[in-house]
Amino acid sequence: MEPTDAAQRSSRDRGKVRVRLLRDRPAIESEIAVAGCDPAVFLAGEHLRRRQRGMTVVGWTMGSAAALEALKREEVHVAGLHVVDAKSGESNLPYLRRHLKGGDFRVVTFARWQQGLLVQHGNPKRIREVADLARKEVAVVNREAGAGARLLLDQKLAASGMKADQVRGYGRIARSHLEVARLIADGWADVGVGVEAAARLMGLDFIPLQEERDDLVMPSRYLTTHPGLSILLDTIVSHPFRREIEALGGYDTRDTGKVQPFRDE
C-alpha cells in the first residue's frame, strides 16, 4: 500500500472502534436508559418487567441538568427533571424552554413529590428551617450543581439572606437523594435537601419545603422506534404502580402520565 493510501484510510477510520457485545443485541435494545435522580424509577422498572418480559429500565443517577445534557447527547432515552422556576413557581417547563432548543420532545409527568430538609431521626439539632443551616454546629451535605435539590437550597438561602459560605458543609457533595439520606443516617451530616421517600427509607425526619413535579423528557420519535417506552408510560399510570409509589411516602400520582405542554403554542 502506498503511503498516501494508508493516510487516506487512516483519515476515514479515525474515531471508529470495533466493539464486541457482551450480551445479545435484542436484550440491549429492550433496555430503557433513564437519567435522573428519582429513586422510584427503579420501582417503575420492576413493574415494567412484570408487564413485559425482557423489558427493563437502566437508571443513570445524576441531577436534573446533567440528565438533560445526557439526553441531548443521545446517551439516554429519557431524562428525569425536577426544577422549579424561581419567578413563576412552575416546574420544569421554563427550564426546558431555555435549555432544550429545537427537536420534537414529549414531556410526561412521572409524579409530584415533596422535597425538603432531611434530618437525623428525632432531629437532635432542632433544625426547623433553612436559616438554621447557618448555625456553626450544623453540618450540611449538598447535591452537585445543576441538581434540583441544589437549586432549591440556593433559592431558599437567597430568600433567607444567606450566602453559601455561611453554611458548613455546603461543598460536601452527594450524587443522589439516597446518598444524601445515607450520609445523614450514618452521622456524616446533620441535614440535606432531598425527597421525603429517601427520608422514610433511611429512618430520618423530614421537613417539607415545597411540592415539585417530576417529569420525564424524551424525544417523540422514541415512542415509535423503541419497543418498550410506550409500555413504560402505560406502566406508570397503572393502579398497582401508583399504589406502590405513593406508599413510599411523599409521592402524589394525581398527574402521573399527563403530557405537559412543552412548546409554547
Protein backbone atom coordinates (compact mmCIF):
# COMPACT_ATOMS: atom_id res chain seq x y z
CA MET A 1 0.00 0.00 0.00
CA GLU A 2 1.30 3.44 -0.90
CA PRO A 3 1.82 5.89 1.99
CA THR A 4 -0.88 8.21 0.60
CA ASP A 5 -3.38 5.31 0.51
CA ALA A 6 -2.58 4.45 4.12
CA ALA A 7 -3.04 8.07 5.14
CA GLN A 8 -6.42 8.26 3.41
CA ARG A 9 -7.61 5.03 5.07
CA SER A 10 -6.40 6.28 8.45
CA SER A 11 -8.33 9.51 7.93
CA ARG A 12 -11.54 7.61 7.06
CA ASP A 13 -11.24 5.27 10.05
CA ARG A 14 -10.25 7.91 12.59
CA GLY A 15 -12.64 7.95 15.54
CA LYS A 16 -14.06 4.48 14.81
CA VAL A 17 -13.53 1.46 17.03
CA ARG A 18 -14.64 -2.15 16.80
CA VAL A 19 -16.71 -3.37 19.75
CA ARG A 20 -17.93 -6.79 20.87
CA LEU A 21 -21.28 -7.00 22.63
CA LEU A 22 -21.24 -8.96 25.89
CA ARG A 23 -24.98 -9.66 25.62
CA ASP A 24 -27.21 -10.33 22.67
CA ARG A 25 -28.43 -7.29 20.77
CA PRO A 26 -32.20 -7.75 21.38
CA ALA A 27 -31.62 -7.72 25.16
CA ILE A 28 -29.68 -4.48 24.91
CA GLU A 29 -32.22 -2.86 22.61
CA SER A 30 -35.05 -3.71 25.03
CA GLU A 31 -33.48 -1.62 27.79
CA ILE A 32 -34.72 1.90 28.51
CA ALA A 33 -31.95 4.19 29.77
CA VAL A 34 -33.34 6.79 32.16
CA ALA A 35 -31.14 9.55 33.59
CA GLY A 36 -32.17 11.41 36.73
CA CYS A 37 -32.30 11.13 40.49
CA ASP A 38 -35.78 9.83 41.29
CA PRO A 39 -35.26 6.64 43.32
CA ALA A 40 -38.69 5.37 42.22
CA VAL A 41 -37.54 4.91 38.62
CA PHE A 42 -36.17 1.51 39.65
CA LEU A 43 -39.59 0.58 41.00
CA ALA A 44 -41.05 1.56 37.63
CA GLY A 45 -38.54 -0.77 36.01
CA GLU A 46 -39.66 -3.65 38.20
CA HIS A 47 -43.30 -3.07 37.27
CA LEU A 48 -42.30 -2.87 33.61
CA ARG A 49 -40.64 -6.30 33.81
CA ARG A 50 -43.82 -7.75 35.30
CA ARG A 51 -45.88 -6.38 32.40
CA GLN A 52 -43.47 -7.20 29.59
CA ARG A 53 -40.88 -9.91 29.99
CA GLY A 54 -37.45 -8.85 28.74
CA MET A 55 -38.09 -5.12 29.11
CA THR A 56 -36.10 -3.27 31.74
CA VAL A 57 -35.13 0.20 32.94
CA VAL A 58 -31.47 1.10 33.37
CA GLY A 59 -31.17 4.06 35.73
CA TRP A 60 -28.34 6.58 35.39
CA THR A 61 -28.26 8.50 38.67
CA MET A 62 -27.50 12.20 38.16
CA GLY A 63 -29.01 15.63 38.73
CA SER A 64 -31.61 17.27 36.51
CA ALA A 65 -29.23 19.44 34.46
CA ALA A 66 -26.83 16.56 33.82
CA ALA A 67 -29.74 14.28 32.88
CA LEU A 68 -30.99 16.74 30.28
CA GLU A 69 -27.50 17.13 28.80
CA ALA A 70 -27.19 13.33 28.57
CA LEU A 71 -30.50 13.25 26.68
CA LYS A 72 -29.31 15.95 24.28
CA ARG A 73 -26.18 13.88 23.57
CA GLU A 74 -28.46 10.87 22.90
CA GLU A 75 -26.79 8.86 25.65
CA VAL A 76 -30.14 8.00 27.25
CA HIS A 77 -33.74 7.58 26.14
CA VAL A 78 -35.34 9.58 28.95
CA ALA A 79 -34.29 12.40 31.29
CA GLY A 80 -35.99 12.94 34.65
CA LEU A 81 -36.31 16.59 35.63
CA HIS A 82 -37.50 18.48 38.73
CA VAL A 83 -36.53 22.14 38.50
CA VAL A 84 -38.91 24.78 39.87
CA ASP A 85 -38.69 28.20 38.26
CA ALA A 86 -37.98 30.81 40.94
CA LYS A 87 -40.07 33.52 39.28
CA SER A 88 -43.18 31.65 38.12
CA GLY A 89 -43.13 28.71 40.51
CA GLU A 90 -43.73 26.41 37.52
CA SER A 91 -41.96 23.07 37.37
CA ASN A 92 -39.58 22.15 34.54
CA LEU A 93 -41.20 23.78 31.51
CA PRO A 94 -39.46 27.18 31.83
CA TYR A 95 -36.13 25.39 32.26
CA LEU A 96 -36.77 23.16 29.26
CA ARG A 97 -37.74 26.07 27.04
CA ARG A 98 -34.42 27.73 27.87
CA HIS A 99 -32.19 24.68 27.56
CA LEU A 100 -33.84 22.37 25.02
CA LYS A 101 -33.96 24.19 21.72
CA GLY A 102 -35.23 22.54 18.55
CA GLY A 103 -36.37 18.97 18.08
CA ASP A 104 -39.64 17.29 18.95
CA PHE A 105 -39.88 16.18 22.58
CA ARG A 106 -42.57 14.73 24.81
CA VAL A 107 -42.81 15.75 28.47
CA VAL A 108 -44.78 13.34 30.67
CA THR A 109 -45.32 13.70 34.41
CA PHE A 110 -43.92 10.85 36.49
CA ALA A 111 -45.27 12.10 39.82
CA ARG A 112 -45.44 15.02 42.18
CA TRP A 113 -43.34 14.82 45.32
CA GLN A 114 -42.38 16.69 48.45
CA GLN A 115 -38.82 17.94 48.69
CA GLY A 116 -37.42 19.34 51.90
CA LEU A 117 -34.85 19.04 54.66
CA LEU A 118 -33.74 15.56 55.68
CA VAL A 119 -32.55 15.50 59.30
CA GLN A 120 -31.41 12.80 61.70
CA HIS A 121 -34.07 10.78 63.48
CA GLY A 122 -35.53 12.80 66.33
CA ASN A 123 -33.99 15.99 64.89
CA PRO A 124 -31.34 16.34 67.63
CA LYS A 125 -30.06 19.68 66.25
CA ARG A 126 -33.59 21.12 66.35
CA ILE A 127 -33.46 22.22 62.71
CA ARG A 128 -36.73 23.88 61.67
CA GLU A 129 -35.93 25.96 58.58
CA VAL A 130 -33.17 26.76 56.11
CA ALA A 131 -31.97 29.69 58.27
CA ASP A 132 -30.87 27.10 60.89
CA LEU A 133 -28.22 25.87 58.45
CA ALA A 134 -26.11 28.93 59.32
CA ARG A 135 -25.58 27.65 62.87
CA LYS A 136 -21.99 26.58 63.42
CA GLU A 137 -22.88 23.23 64.95
CA VAL A 138 -24.97 22.18 61.91
CA ALA A 139 -23.21 20.19 59.16
CA VAL A 140 -24.81 20.05 55.71
CA VAL A 141 -24.48 17.62 52.81
CA ASN A 142 -25.28 19.17 49.43
CA ARG A 143 -26.05 17.99 45.90
CA GLU A 144 -24.00 18.73 42.80
CA ALA A 145 -24.51 21.92 40.78
CA GLY A 146 -27.45 21.51 38.41
CA ALA A 147 -29.40 19.16 40.68
CA GLY A 148 -32.92 20.25 41.55
CA ALA A 149 -32.18 19.84 45.27
CA ARG A 150 -29.13 22.13 44.97
CA LEU A 151 -31.20 24.73 43.14
CA LEU A 152 -33.88 24.60 45.85
CA LEU A 153 -31.29 25.05 48.60
CA ASP A 154 -29.71 28.01 46.79
CA GLN A 155 -33.12 29.63 46.32
CA LYS A 156 -34.01 29.20 50.00
CA LEU A 157 -30.61 30.51 51.15
CA ALA A 158 -31.03 33.61 48.98
CA ALA A 159 -34.56 34.16 50.30
CA SER A 160 -33.15 34.00 53.85
CA GLY A 161 -30.40 36.50 53.02
CA MET A 162 -27.70 33.85 53.45
CA LYS A 163 -24.63 33.02 51.40
CA ALA A 164 -23.13 29.61 50.68
CA ASP A 165 -20.00 30.32 52.73
CA GLN A 166 -22.18 30.67 55.83
CA VAL A 167 -23.20 27.00 55.58
CA ARG A 168 -20.80 24.41 56.97
CA GLY A 169 -20.54 21.53 54.52
CA TYR A 170 -22.01 23.36 51.53
CA GLY A 171 -19.19 21.94 49.39
CA ARG A 172 -19.71 18.34 50.58
CA ILE A 173 -21.41 16.66 47.62
CA ALA A 174 -23.68 13.63 47.35
CA ARG A 175 -24.86 12.37 43.96
CA SER A 176 -28.39 11.28 44.75
CA HIS A 177 -31.28 11.69 47.18
CA LEU A 178 -30.48 8.29 48.67
CA GLU A 179 -26.81 9.18 49.17
CA VAL A 180 -27.83 12.37 50.97
CA ALA A 181 -30.09 10.32 53.23
CA ARG A 182 -27.43 7.67 53.85
CA LEU A 183 -24.77 10.22 54.86
CA ILE A 184 -27.18 11.80 57.34
CA ALA A 185 -28.27 8.43 58.72
CA ASP A 186 -24.62 7.43 59.18
CA GLY A 187 -23.84 10.63 61.07
CA TRP A 188 -21.62 12.30 58.48
CA ALA A 189 -24.01 15.26 58.23
CA ASP A 190 -26.96 16.69 60.12
CA VAL A 191 -29.11 17.88 57.25
CA GLY A 192 -29.51 17.92 53.47
CA VAL A 193 -32.15 18.62 50.86
CA GLY A 194 -33.93 15.62 49.35
CA VAL A 195 -37.25 13.87 48.82
CA GLU A 196 -39.48 12.52 51.57
CA ALA A 197 -39.28 8.96 50.25
CA ALA A 198 -35.50 8.91 50.84
CA ALA A 199 -36.01 10.16 54.40
CA ARG A 200 -38.54 7.42 55.12
CA LEU A 201 -36.33 4.72 53.64
CA MET A 202 -33.41 5.71 55.91
CA GLY A 203 -35.47 6.37 59.02
CA LEU A 204 -34.90 10.14 59.00
CA ASP A 205 -37.17 13.02 59.90
CA PHE A 206 -38.42 15.27 57.13
CA ILE A 207 -39.23 18.99 56.99
CA PRO A 208 -41.10 19.85 53.75
CA LEU A 209 -40.02 22.90 51.75
CA GLN A 210 -42.01 22.65 48.52
CA GLU A 211 -44.01 20.37 46.27
CA GLU A 212 -42.43 19.68 42.87
CA ARG A 213 -43.40 17.90 39.67
CA ASP A 214 -41.00 15.25 38.44
CA ASP A 215 -41.29 14.98 34.64
CA LEU A 216 -39.91 12.53 32.11
CA VAL A 217 -38.49 14.13 28.94
CA MET A 218 -37.96 12.08 25.78
CA PRO A 219 -37.61 12.60 22.03
CA SER A 220 -41.03 11.96 20.49
CA ARG A 221 -39.57 9.62 17.89
CA TYR A 222 -38.57 7.13 20.60
CA LEU A 223 -42.25 6.46 21.26
CA THR A 224 -42.43 4.68 17.91
CA THR A 225 -38.85 3.44 17.49
CA HIS A 226 -38.23 2.00 20.96
CA PRO A 227 -40.25 -1.15 21.72
CA GLY A 228 -40.63 -0.52 25.44
CA LEU A 229 -41.05 3.19 26.00
CA SER A 230 -44.79 3.33 25.40
CA ILE A 231 -45.17 0.28 27.66
CA LEU A 232 -43.24 2.11 30.39
CA LEU A 233 -45.63 5.06 30.12
CA ASP A 234 -48.58 2.66 30.38
CA THR A 235 -46.91 1.08 33.40
CA ILE A 236 -46.57 4.28 35.43
CA VAL A 237 -50.29 5.06 35.11
CA SER A 238 -51.32 1.57 36.21
CA HIS A 239 -53.05 1.28 39.58
CA PRO A 240 -50.53 -1.21 41.06
CA PHE A 241 -47.60 1.09 40.34
CA ARG A 242 -49.36 4.20 41.58
CA ARG A 243 -50.37 2.50 44.82
CA GLU A 244 -46.85 1.28 45.45
CA ILE A 245 -45.11 4.58 44.70
CA GLU A 246 -47.50 6.50 46.95
CA ALA A 247 -46.78 4.00 49.73
CA LEU A 248 -43.13 5.13 49.64
CA GLY A 249 -44.20 8.48 51.09
CA GLY A 250 -44.17 11.97 49.66
CA TYR A 251 -45.39 10.97 46.18
CA ASP A 252 -48.65 12.17 44.63
CA THR A 253 -49.76 10.48 41.40
CA ARG A 254 -52.75 12.67 40.53
CA ASP A 255 -50.92 13.98 37.43
CA THR A 256 -48.94 10.83 36.60
CA GLY A 257 -49.00 10.19 32.85
CA LYS A 258 -50.15 13.72 31.98
CA VAL A 259 -48.48 15.19 28.88
CA GLN A 260 -47.19 18.68 29.63
CA PRO A 261 -47.30 21.49 27.02
CA PHE A 262 -43.57 21.82 26.40
CA ARG A 263 -43.62 24.16 23.38
CA ASP A 264 -45.39 27.50 23.57
CA GLU A 265 -48.42 27.46 21.33
